[in-house]
């Protein structure tokens, strides 16, 4: 069964700047598969940024009956 996962960079992670993905919402069968999918779609941050729990988080996205923002990827400049 496929489930939705949200992946986000950790605040202290190195190598994130321009031409980088800062987050994903992925449909996959497992946490490992979700990380692999994100790694395949990475930018200049490189695949390890999404494969390693040191640099990113991966959480199961639970469905609710409440409207909500799933992800806001914002760079203030």
C-alpha atoms as a PDB file:
ATOM      1  CA  UNK A   1       0.000   0.000   0.000  1.00  0.00           C
ATOM      2  CA  UNK A   2       1.287   3.430  -0.922  1.00  0.00           C
ATOM      3  CA  UNK A   3       1.431   6.180   1.688  1.00  0.00           C
ATOM      4  CA  UNK A   4       2.430   9.829   1.627  1.00  0.00           C
ATOM      5  CA  UNK A   5       5.654  10.968   3.275  1.00  0.00           C
ATOM      6  CA  UNK A   6       6.939  14.483   3.874  1.00  0.00           C
ATOM      7  CA  UNK A   7      10.678  15.048   3.703  1.00  0.00           C
ATOM      8  CA  UNK A   8      12.301  18.273   4.890  1.00  0.00           C
ATOM      9  CA  UNK A   9      15.827  19.502   5.304  1.00  0.00           C
ATOM     10  CA  UNK A  10      17.125  19.934   8.833  1.00  0.00           C
ATOM     11  CA  UNK A  11      17.939  23.513   9.784  1.00  0.00           C
ATOM     12  CA  UNK A  12      21.650  22.890  10.343  1.00  0.00           C
ATOM     13  CA  UNK A  13      22.223  20.803   7.232  1.00  0.00           C
ATOM     14  CA  UNK A  14      25.225  21.723   5.089  1.00  0.00           C
ATOM     15  CA  UNK A  15      25.247  22.238   1.326  1.00  0.00           C
ATOM     16  CA  UNK A  16      21.772  23.784   0.984  1.00  0.00           C
ATOM     17  CA  UNK A  17      21.550  27.062  -0.882  1.00  0.00           C
ATOM     18  CA  UNK A  18      20.584  27.817  -4.478  1.00  0.00           C
ATOM     19  CA  UNK A  19      19.463  25.137  -6.954  1.00  0.00           C
ATOM     20  CA  UNK A  20      18.498  22.798  -4.111  1.00  0.00           C
ATOM     21  CA  UNK A  21      15.313  21.037  -3.098  1.00  0.00           C
ATOM     22  CA  UNK A  22      14.203  21.982   0.418  1.00  0.00           C
ATOM     23  CA  UNK A  23      11.395  19.462   0.779  1.00  0.00           C
ATOM     24  CA  UNK A  24       9.278  16.798  -0.862  1.00  0.00           C
ATOM     25  CA  UNK A  25       5.920  15.145  -0.458  1.00  0.00           C
ATOM     26  CA  UNK A  26       6.369  11.651  -1.836  1.00  0.00           C
ATOM     27  CA  UNK A  27       4.044   8.708  -2.365  1.00  0.00           C
ATOM     28  CA  UNK A  28       5.889   5.476  -1.561  1.00  0.00           C
ATOM     29  CA  UNK A  29       5.588   2.118   0.174  1.00  0.00           C
ATOM     30  CA  UNK A  30       8.109   2.836   2.961  1.00  0.00           C
ATOM     31  CA  UNK A  31      10.349   5.450   4.562  1.00  0.00           C
ATOM     32  CA  UNK A  32      13.342   3.993   2.725  1.00  0.00           C
ATOM     33  CA  UNK A  33      11.573   4.109  -0.622  1.00  0.00           C
ATOM     34  CA  UNK A  34      10.466   7.707   0.041  1.00  0.00           C
ATOM     35  CA  UNK A  35      14.049   8.744   0.770  1.00  0.00           C
ATOM     36  CA  UNK A  36      15.265   7.040  -2.427  1.00  0.00           C
ATOM     37  CA  UNK A  37      12.641   8.832  -4.529  1.00  0.00           C
ATOM     38  CA  UNK A  38      13.632  12.205  -3.049  1.00  0.00           C
ATOM     39  CA  UNK A  39      17.323  11.411  -3.601  1.00  0.00           C
ATOM     40  CA  UNK A  40      16.591  10.670  -7.268  1.00  0.00           C
ATOM     41  CA  UNK A  41      14.997  14.139  -7.655  1.00  0.00           C
ATOM     42  CA  UNK A  42      17.618  16.108  -5.691  1.00  0.00           C
ATOM     43  CA  UNK A  43      19.346  19.289  -6.784  1.00  0.00           C
ATOM     44  CA  UNK A  44      22.824  20.551  -5.948  1.00  0.00           C
ATOM     45  CA  UNK A  45      22.419  19.350  -2.338  1.00  0.00           C
ATOM     46  CA  UNK A  46      23.080  15.817  -3.615  1.00  0.00           C
ATOM     47  CA  UNK A  47      21.306  12.527  -2.947  1.00  0.00           C
ATOM     48  CA  UNK A  48      22.912  11.923   0.464  1.00  0.00           C
ATOM     49  CA  UNK A  49      21.023  14.942   1.793  1.00  0.00           C
ATOM     50  CA  UNK A  50      17.799  12.942   1.410  1.00  0.00           C
ATOM     51  CA  UNK A  51      19.136   9.471   2.153  1.00  0.00           C
ATOM     52  CA  UNK A  52      20.732  10.476   5.475  1.00  0.00           C
ATOM     53  CA  UNK A  53      18.638  11.150   8.617  1.00  0.00           C
ATOM     54  CA  UNK A  54      21.481  13.470   9.700  1.00  0.00           C
ATOM     55  CA  UNK A  55      20.508  15.978   7.007  1.00  0.00           C
ATOM     56  CA  UNK A  56      16.753  15.509   6.508  1.00  0.00           C
ATOM     57  CA  UNK A  57      13.595  14.246   8.148  1.00  0.00           C
ATOM     58  CA  UNK A  58      11.104  11.779   6.695  1.00  0.00           C
ATOM     59  CA  UNK A  59       7.683  11.515   8.318  1.00  0.00           C
ATOM     60  CA  UNK A  60       4.526   9.650   7.437  1.00  0.00           C
ATOM     61  CA  UNK A  61       1.874  12.164   6.423  1.00  0.00           C
ATOM     62  CA  UNK A  62      -1.329  11.213   8.195  1.00  0.00           C
ATOM     63  CA  UNK A  63      -4.655  12.098   6.658  1.00  0.00           C
ATOM     64  CA  UNK A  64      -7.058  14.218   8.690  1.00  0.00           C
ATOM     65  CA  UNK A  65     -10.483  15.760   8.266  1.00  0.00           C
ATOM     66  CA  UNK A  66      -9.123  19.254   8.919  1.00  0.00           C
ATOM     67  CA  UNK A  67      -7.897  21.659   6.222  1.00  0.00           C
ATOM     68  CA  UNK A  68      -4.213  22.436   6.707  1.00  0.00           C
ATOM     69  CA  UNK A  69      -1.011  23.504   5.041  1.00  0.00           C
ATOM     70  CA  UNK A  70       1.061  20.414   4.321  1.00  0.00           C
ATOM     71  CA  UNK A  71       4.281  22.213   3.420  1.00  0.00           C
ATOM     72  CA  UNK A  72       5.480  25.812   3.159  1.00  0.00           C
ATOM     73  CA  UNK A  73       8.976  26.002   1.703  1.00  0.00           C
ATOM     74  CA  UNK A  74       9.951  29.638   2.223  1.00  0.00           C
ATOM     75  CA  UNK A  75      13.298  31.412   1.820  1.00  0.00           C
ATOM     76  CA  UNK A  76      13.256  34.894   3.356  1.00  0.00           C
ATOM     77  CA  UNK A  77      15.729  37.258   1.785  1.00  0.00           C
END
